Amino acid sequence: MTDRFIRAEPAPQRPPPKLAPPFLTLARENLFGDASSSLITIGIVALIILAAPPLWRFLIANAVWSAPDGALCRAPGAGACWAYIAAKTPFFIYGSYPPDQRWRVDLAFVLAAGLIVWLLWPRAPRKGVAAFGFFVLLPFVGFALLSGAPSLGLPRVGTNLWGGAMVSLLVALAGIVVALPGGVLLALGRRSDLPALRWVCAGLIEFVRGVPLIAVLFMANAMLPIFLPPDWSPDRLLRPMFGIALFASAYMAEVARAGLNSIPGGQAEAAQALGLGRVATLRFVVLPQALAAVIPAIVNNFVALFKDTTLVAIVGIFDFLHTVDAARLDPNWAGPTIAATGYVFAGLFYLIFCLAMSSYARGVERRLAAGRRQDSI
């Protein structure tokens, strides 16, 4: 009786499991899974089919790629005036910064980009050196390059001449650099056991989050000179930068607090049982896990902050969108399609930077998820 249960020959080999479902199966499950999904998919496809031809004609087929002025762009049937973008690109990037000194702007942003890549590259060595260079040295070196240092042979350039993309990137970079550590400190202060510190941090967070960014910018622009001595009055560009940094820190504080609340108390207790102090426990155990848990919210705040830099134009700062809006007033480049092209270019500028931040955040999430899977094996 037992012979019938004993296999005399090896079992036939089966094909390896497929790592991913076929495209048609994936599309059917995600796009046509039920009636509502099917209707939404069909509606989106129909919208794309209707919108794609006119966009193609305006942006590509009928576009004016090269012209000495806006005459060709004003002709009947002309599409996007990319010649206008090419002619005004230096103004869009530097504003009224002196042309013979624009190399200083280029050098400052090359240094910043190099340090950012060094910090964000996962396998880059000596990240402590990169962090010191980015958070400590770069502000002083960048300010000396952009503003000027006569002792080093760099003539002064007033911030009233700064404008364009350099101002937008500078304001966004300052806000992002301050927002994360400032938000973490405010979140820790709000969770503190010291009542005075907890009330001050909670009051600051709720006050800043309870008013619009425009009000914060006006307060920073009008009230900072009142509370400081005349000799210490901040520059007209530093005032909105301070307001944006404060606003972003308050919102980041609530994101960081959510991450801290998601960490079980046993994590800190286990670290302290191993002999780690409170600061070491926060640095090596609690904060890495808390911030990793709220990466999507952090990036969402950064994306919103980058787009909100356009509001500095309200207090007289010549940001990128303001330069695009001002350039269309040039009579040599006046025309409805020319203005529309400028705004399309501005939208692409912000879209590219926001997509880059989102893509990097998704990559970080995938690496963290892979590491957690390996740890659980």
Protein backbone atom coordinates (compact mmCIF):
# COMPACT_ATOMS: atom_id res chain seq x y z
CA MET A 1 0.00 0.00 0.00
CA THR A 2 2.86 2.42 0.67
CA ASP A 3 4.32 2.03 -2.83
CA ARG A 4 1.67 4.20 -4.38
CA PHE A 5 2.81 7.18 -2.21
CA ILE A 6 6.53 6.90 -3.03
CA ARG A 7 7.65 8.76 -6.19
CA ALA A 8 10.00 6.69 -8.29
CA GLU A 9 10.96 9.53 -10.68
CA PRO A 10 11.82 13.20 -10.12
CA ALA A 11 8.91 15.58 -10.45
CA PRO A 12 8.87 17.58 -13.70
CA GLN A 13 10.43 21.01 -13.43
CA ARG A 14 8.08 23.95 -13.34
CA PRO A 15 8.80 27.33 -14.93
CA PRO A 16 10.04 30.03 -12.52
CA PRO A 17 7.38 32.38 -11.19
CA LYS A 18 6.99 35.63 -13.09
CA LEU A 19 8.33 38.59 -11.18
CA ALA A 20 5.78 40.97 -12.66
CA PRO A 21 2.44 40.40 -14.37
CA PRO A 22 2.22 41.01 -18.11
CA PHE A 23 1.40 44.51 -19.28
CA LEU A 24 -2.12 43.64 -20.38
CA THR A 25 -2.90 41.98 -17.06
CA LEU A 26 -1.46 44.93 -15.13
CA ALA A 27 -3.44 47.40 -17.25
CA ARG A 28 -6.66 45.43 -16.84
CA GLU A 29 -6.28 45.21 -13.07
CA ASN A 30 -5.38 48.90 -12.55
CA LEU A 31 -7.25 50.69 -15.33
CA PHE A 32 -10.29 48.51 -15.95
CA GLY A 33 -10.75 46.77 -12.61
CA ASP A 34 -14.38 47.81 -12.23
CA ALA A 35 -16.99 50.01 -13.88
CA SER A 36 -15.90 53.26 -12.21
CA SER A 37 -12.21 52.67 -13.04
CA SER A 38 -13.13 51.91 -16.64
CA LEU A 39 -15.19 55.11 -16.98
CA ILE A 40 -12.42 57.23 -15.46
CA THR A 41 -9.82 55.64 -17.74
CA ILE A 42 -11.95 56.18 -20.84
CA GLY A 43 -12.62 59.80 -19.83
CA ILE A 44 -8.93 60.55 -19.31
CA VAL A 45 -7.99 58.93 -22.62
CA ALA A 46 -10.69 60.95 -24.41
CA LEU A 47 -9.44 64.17 -22.77
CA ILE A 48 -5.87 63.41 -23.88
CA ILE A 49 -7.03 62.70 -27.43
CA LEU A 50 -8.93 66.00 -27.54
CA ALA A 51 -6.18 68.12 -25.95
CA ALA A 52 -3.08 66.60 -27.57
CA PRO A 53 -3.54 67.91 -31.18
CA PRO A 54 -4.02 71.61 -30.31
CA LEU A 55 -1.19 71.48 -27.77
CA TRP A 56 1.07 69.87 -30.36
CA ARG A 57 0.21 72.55 -32.93
CA PHE A 58 0.75 75.40 -30.45
CA LEU A 59 3.89 74.14 -28.71
CA ILE A 60 5.69 72.34 -31.56
CA ALA A 61 4.24 72.42 -35.07
CA ASN A 62 3.38 76.14 -35.40
CA ALA A 63 5.93 77.40 -32.87
CA VAL A 64 8.42 80.13 -33.73
CA TRP A 65 11.87 78.87 -32.78
CA SER A 66 14.07 81.69 -34.07
CA ALA A 67 13.27 85.37 -34.63
CA PRO A 68 14.96 88.74 -33.97
CA ASP A 69 11.80 90.17 -32.38
CA GLY A 70 8.14 89.34 -31.83
CA ALA A 71 6.87 90.19 -35.33
CA LEU A 72 6.79 86.58 -36.49
CA CYS A 73 5.16 85.51 -33.24
CA ARG A 74 2.34 87.99 -33.80
CA ALA A 75 1.57 86.65 -37.27
CA PRO A 76 -1.81 84.90 -37.72
CA GLY A 77 -1.62 81.20 -36.90
CA ALA A 78 1.71 81.47 -35.03
CA GLY A 79 2.15 79.17 -32.07
CA ALA A 80 4.44 79.34 -29.07
CA CYS A 81 7.20 81.93 -29.33
CA TRP A 82 10.24 80.01 -28.15
CA ALA A 83 12.44 82.68 -29.74
CA TYR A 84 11.18 84.99 -26.99
CA ILE A 85 12.30 82.49 -24.34
CA ALA A 86 15.75 82.24 -25.92
CA ALA A 87 16.11 86.02 -26.07
CA LYS A 88 14.97 86.58 -22.49
CA THR A 89 16.67 83.59 -20.83
CA PRO A 90 19.49 85.66 -19.24
CA PHE A 91 16.89 88.00 -17.74
CA PHE A 92 14.81 85.06 -16.52
CA ILE A 93 17.84 83.54 -14.77
CA TYR A 94 19.71 86.56 -13.39
CA GLY A 95 17.25 89.44 -13.42
CA SER A 96 19.18 92.73 -13.54
CA TYR A 97 22.38 91.27 -12.11
CA PRO A 98 25.37 92.87 -13.94
CA PRO A 99 26.23 90.72 -16.98
CA ASP A 100 29.99 90.88 -16.35
CA GLN A 101 29.47 89.54 -12.79
CA ARG A 102 27.07 86.69 -13.56
CA TRP A 103 29.88 84.17 -13.31
CA ARG A 104 29.63 84.66 -9.55
CA VAL A 105 26.02 83.45 -9.58
CA ASP A 106 27.01 80.46 -11.70
CA LEU A 107 29.86 79.57 -9.36
CA ALA A 108 27.67 79.87 -6.26
CA PHE A 109 25.02 77.56 -7.65
CA VAL A 110 27.59 75.09 -8.99
CA LEU A 111 29.02 74.84 -5.47
CA ALA A 112 25.53 74.40 -4.03
CA ALA A 113 24.60 71.76 -6.61
CA GLY A 114 27.82 69.84 -5.99
CA LEU A 115 27.27 69.77 -2.23
CA ILE A 116 23.62 68.76 -2.66
CA VAL A 117 24.59 65.85 -4.92
CA TRP A 118 27.29 64.85 -2.44
CA LEU A 119 24.77 64.87 0.41
CA LEU A 120 21.99 63.07 -1.44
CA TRP A 121 24.09 60.43 -3.21
CA PRO A 122 23.48 57.24 -1.19
CA ARG A 123 27.02 55.84 -1.41
CA ALA A 124 28.95 59.10 -1.27
CA PRO A 125 31.79 59.05 1.32
CA ARG A 126 32.45 61.65 4.03
CA LYS A 127 28.94 63.04 4.17
CA GLY A 128 29.85 64.84 7.38
CA VAL A 129 32.28 67.00 5.38
CA ALA A 130 29.55 67.64 2.80
CA ALA A 131 27.07 68.61 5.52
CA PHE A 132 29.58 71.00 7.11
CA GLY A 133 30.28 72.56 3.73
CA PHE A 134 26.60 72.91 2.85
CA PHE A 135 25.18 74.15 6.15
CA VAL A 136 28.15 76.15 7.47
CA LEU A 137 30.54 77.21 4.71
CA LEU A 138 28.20 77.61 1.74
CA PRO A 139 26.05 80.42 3.27
CA PHE A 140 29.13 82.58 3.86
CA VAL A 141 30.82 81.74 0.56
CA GLY A 142 27.58 82.11 -1.39
CA PHE A 143 26.78 85.46 0.25
CA ALA A 144 30.28 86.75 -0.51
CA LEU A 145 29.98 85.67 -4.14
CA LEU A 146 26.48 87.02 -4.73
CA SER A 147 26.63 90.21 -2.67
CA GLY A 148 30.31 91.02 -3.18
CA ALA A 149 33.48 91.34 -1.15
CA PRO A 150 35.65 94.35 -2.09
CA SER A 151 38.56 92.96 -0.07
CA LEU A 152 38.57 89.95 -2.40
CA GLY A 153 38.13 91.99 -5.56
CA LEU A 154 34.39 91.31 -5.88
CA PRO A 155 32.40 94.54 -6.33
CA ARG A 156 29.17 95.00 -4.40
CA VAL A 157 25.92 94.05 -6.12
CA GLY A 158 22.80 95.25 -4.31
CA THR A 159 19.93 92.86 -3.81
CA ASN A 160 17.73 95.31 -5.74
CA LEU A 161 19.51 93.98 -8.86
CA TRP A 162 18.96 90.33 -7.98
CA GLY A 163 16.11 88.59 -9.72
CA GLY A 164 14.86 85.68 -11.77
CA ALA A 165 15.53 82.04 -11.11
CA MET A 166 18.53 82.81 -8.90
CA VAL A 167 16.26 84.51 -6.36
CA SER A 168 13.61 81.77 -6.50
CA LEU A 169 16.22 79.05 -5.99
CA LEU A 170 17.97 81.04 -3.26
CA VAL A 171 14.77 81.63 -1.29
CA ALA A 172 13.62 78.02 -1.72
CA LEU A 173 17.03 76.66 -0.75
CA ALA A 174 17.18 78.81 2.36
CA GLY A 175 13.67 77.75 3.36
CA ILE A 176 14.34 74.06 2.80
CA VAL A 177 17.65 74.17 4.68
CA VAL A 178 16.06 75.86 7.71
CA ALA A 179 12.68 74.07 7.61
CA LEU A 180 13.79 70.54 8.44
CA PRO A 181 16.08 71.20 11.44
CA GLY A 182 13.85 74.05 12.60
CA GLY A 183 10.74 71.88 12.35
CA VAL A 184 12.40 69.03 14.25
CA LEU A 185 13.48 71.38 17.05
CA LEU A 186 9.99 72.88 17.30
CA ALA A 187 8.44 69.39 17.36
CA LEU A 188 10.81 68.27 20.11
CA GLY A 189 10.07 71.45 22.04
CA ARG A 190 6.34 70.84 21.75
CA ARG A 191 6.85 67.35 23.21
CA SER A 192 9.15 68.61 25.96
CA ASP A 193 8.49 68.02 29.67
CA LEU A 194 9.26 71.68 30.39
CA PRO A 195 5.91 73.54 30.38
CA ALA A 196 7.35 76.93 29.37
CA LEU A 197 9.24 75.49 26.40
CA ARG A 198 6.24 73.39 25.37
CA TRP A 199 3.87 76.38 25.47
CA VAL A 200 6.24 78.66 23.55
CA CYS A 201 6.79 76.10 20.77
CA ALA A 202 3.10 75.20 20.57
CA GLY A 203 2.09 78.86 20.48
CA LEU A 204 4.60 79.69 17.74
CA ILE A 205 3.52 76.71 15.63
CA GLU A 206 -0.18 77.41 15.95
CA PHE A 207 0.23 81.14 15.35
CA VAL A 208 2.29 80.72 12.16
CA ARG A 209 0.08 77.92 10.84
CA GLY A 210 -3.03 79.98 11.58
CA VAL A 211 -2.16 82.88 9.25
CA PRO A 212 -1.54 82.83 5.48
CA LEU A 213 1.98 83.02 4.11
CA ILE A 214 1.27 86.45 2.64
CA ALA A 215 0.59 87.80 6.14
CA VAL A 216 3.84 86.26 7.43
CA LEU A 217 5.76 87.88 4.56
CA PHE A 218 4.22 91.28 5.26
CA MET A 219 4.97 90.95 8.98
CA ALA A 220 8.58 89.93 8.30
CA ASN A 221 9.00 92.77 5.82
CA ALA A 222 7.45 95.48 8.00
CA MET A 223 8.08 94.39 11.58
CA LEU A 224 11.66 93.09 11.57
CA PRO A 225 13.12 96.59 11.03
CA ILE A 226 10.97 97.86 13.94
CA PHE A 227 12.31 95.34 16.47
CA LEU A 228 15.95 95.62 15.42
CA PRO A 229 18.38 98.54 15.65
CA PRO A 230 18.78 100.53 12.40
CA ASP A 231 22.31 99.25 11.92
CA TRP A 232 21.07 95.67 12.24
CA SER A 233 18.06 96.05 9.97
CA PRO A 234 17.98 93.03 7.65
CA ASP A 235 18.26 93.38 3.91
CA ARG A 236 15.08 93.58 1.82
CA LEU A 237 15.73 90.04 0.55
CA LEU A 238 16.55 88.57 3.98
CA ARG A 239 13.18 89.63 5.41
CA PRO A 240 10.99 87.43 3.17
CA MET A 241 13.57 84.65 3.46
CA PHE A 242 13.15 84.78 7.24
CA GLY A 243 9.35 84.72 6.89
CA ILE A 244 9.38 81.75 4.52
CA ALA A 245 11.82 79.84 6.74
CA LEU A 246 9.63 80.45 9.80
CA PHE A 247 6.46 79.46 7.93
CA ALA A 248 8.01 76.27 6.54
CA SER A 249 9.47 75.33 9.94
CA ALA A 250 6.04 75.57 11.61
CA TYR A 251 4.48 73.23 9.05
CA MET A 252 7.46 70.89 9.17
CA ALA A 253 7.15 70.75 12.97
CA GLU A 254 3.74 69.08 12.73
CA VAL A 255 5.07 66.57 10.19
CA ALA A 256 8.04 65.76 12.43
CA ARG A 257 5.73 65.48 15.46
CA ALA A 258 3.57 62.97 13.59
CA GLY A 259 6.68 60.90 12.85
CA LEU A 260 7.82 61.07 16.48
CA ASN A 261 4.38 59.98 17.70
CA SER A 262 4.48 56.96 15.38
CA ILE A 263 7.57 55.50 17.10
CA PRO A 264 6.69 53.11 19.95
CA GLY A 265 7.96 54.13 23.35
CA GLY A 266 9.77 50.82 23.66
CA GLN A 267 12.34 51.99 21.08
CA ALA A 268 13.62 54.75 23.35
CA GLU A 269 13.39 52.55 26.42
CA ALA A 270 15.44 49.80 24.75
CA ALA A 271 18.07 52.34 23.67
CA GLN A 272 18.33 53.74 27.18
CA ALA A 273 18.57 50.21 28.58
CA LEU A 274 21.63 49.72 26.35
CA GLY A 275 23.26 52.79 27.91
CA LEU A 276 22.41 55.50 25.35
CA GLY A 277 21.62 58.95 26.68
CA ARG A 278 18.62 61.03 25.61
CA VAL A 279 20.50 62.90 22.88
CA ALA A 280 22.06 59.72 21.49
CA THR A 281 18.70 57.96 21.61
CA LEU A 282 17.10 60.74 19.60
CA ARG A 283 19.97 60.92 17.13
CA PHE A 284 20.52 57.23 16.45
CA VAL A 285 17.20 55.54 17.24
CA VAL A 286 14.13 57.78 17.29
CA LEU A 287 14.74 60.51 14.72
CA PRO A 288 15.96 58.24 11.86
CA GLN A 289 12.84 56.10 12.18
CA ALA A 290 10.50 59.07 12.68
CA LEU A 291 11.75 61.02 9.67
CA ALA A 292 11.81 57.93 7.46
CA ALA A 293 8.14 57.31 8.29
CA VAL A 294 7.08 60.77 7.09
CA ILE A 295 9.23 61.18 3.97
CA PRO A 296 6.19 61.72 1.69
CA ALA A 297 4.88 64.51 3.93
CA ILE A 298 8.33 66.12 4.15
CA VAL A 299 8.71 66.15 0.38
CA ASN A 300 5.16 67.47 0.00
CA ASN A 301 6.11 70.40 2.25
CA PHE A 302 9.26 71.03 0.21
CA VAL A 303 7.30 71.01 -3.05
CA ALA A 304 4.72 73.42 -1.63
CA LEU A 305 7.49 75.65 -0.29
CA PHE A 306 9.23 75.79 -3.68
CA LYS A 307 5.99 76.88 -5.35
CA ASP A 308 5.17 79.36 -2.58
CA THR A 309 8.38 81.28 -3.29
CA THR A 310 6.39 83.08 -6.01
CA LEU A 311 4.60 85.02 -3.24
CA VAL A 312 7.76 87.01 -2.44
CA ALA A 313 6.88 89.20 -5.42
CA ILE A 314 4.14 90.73 -3.24
CA VAL A 315 6.78 92.37 -1.02
CA GLY A 316 8.80 93.63 -3.97
CA ILE A 317 11.19 90.76 -4.63
CA PHE A 318 11.90 90.08 -8.31
CA ASP A 319 11.52 86.29 -8.40
CA PHE A 320 11.40 84.04 -11.46
CA LEU A 321 7.67 84.35 -12.14
CA HIS A 322 7.88 88.11 -11.65
CA THR A 323 10.62 88.36 -14.30
CA VAL A 324 8.51 86.32 -16.72
CA ASP A 325 5.57 88.63 -16.08
CA ALA A 326 7.72 91.76 -16.51
CA ALA A 327 9.45 90.58 -19.68
CA ARG A 328 6.19 90.38 -21.59
CA LEU A 329 5.86 94.18 -21.24
CA ASP A 330 8.75 94.67 -23.66
CA PRO A 331 7.11 96.27 -26.77
CA ASN A 332 9.45 94.33 -29.06
CA TRP A 333 8.08 91.07 -27.65
CA ALA A 334 4.45 91.98 -27.01
CA GLY A 335 1.72 89.59 -28.08
CA PRO A 336 -0.83 87.13 -26.68
CA THR A 337 1.04 83.99 -27.75
CA ILE A 338 4.30 85.46 -26.43
CA ALA A 339 2.86 85.99 -22.95
CA ALA A 340 1.31 82.51 -23.00
CA THR A 341 4.69 81.02 -23.95
CA GLY A 342 6.32 82.75 -21.00
CA TYR A 343 3.83 81.27 -18.56
CA VAL A 344 4.19 77.81 -20.14
CA PHE A 345 7.96 78.11 -19.66
CA ALA A 346 7.45 79.15 -16.02
CA GLY A 347 5.18 76.17 -15.44
CA LEU A 348 7.78 73.81 -16.91
CA PHE A 349 10.45 75.35 -14.68
CA TYR A 350 8.51 74.64 -11.48
CA LEU A 351 7.28 71.26 -12.74
CA ILE A 352 10.80 69.99 -13.43
CA PHE A 353 12.12 70.92 -10.00
CA CYS A 354 9.07 69.52 -8.18
CA LEU A 355 9.20 66.25 -10.14
CA ALA A 356 12.91 65.93 -9.35
CA MET A 357 12.23 66.25 -5.61
CA SER A 358 9.35 63.77 -5.77
CA SER A 359 11.39 61.24 -7.79
CA TYR A 360 14.28 61.38 -5.33
CA ALA A 361 11.88 60.89 -2.41
CA ARG A 362 10.36 57.82 -4.07
CA GLY A 363 13.84 56.41 -4.56
CA VAL A 364 14.64 56.94 -0.89
CA GLU A 365 11.39 55.20 0.08
CA ARG A 366 12.24 52.20 -2.12
CA ARG A 367 15.70 51.89 -0.56
CA LEU A 368 14.28 52.10 2.95
CA ALA A 369 11.59 49.54 2.12
CA ALA A 370 14.21 47.18 0.68
CA GLY A 371 16.32 47.56 3.80
CA ARG A 372 13.35 46.78 6.04
CA ARG A 373 12.57 43.66 4.02
CA GLN A 374 16.16 42.45 4.34
CA ASP A 375 16.10 43.09 8.08
CA SER A 376 12.92 41.07 8.48
CA ILE A 377 14.34 38.02 6.70
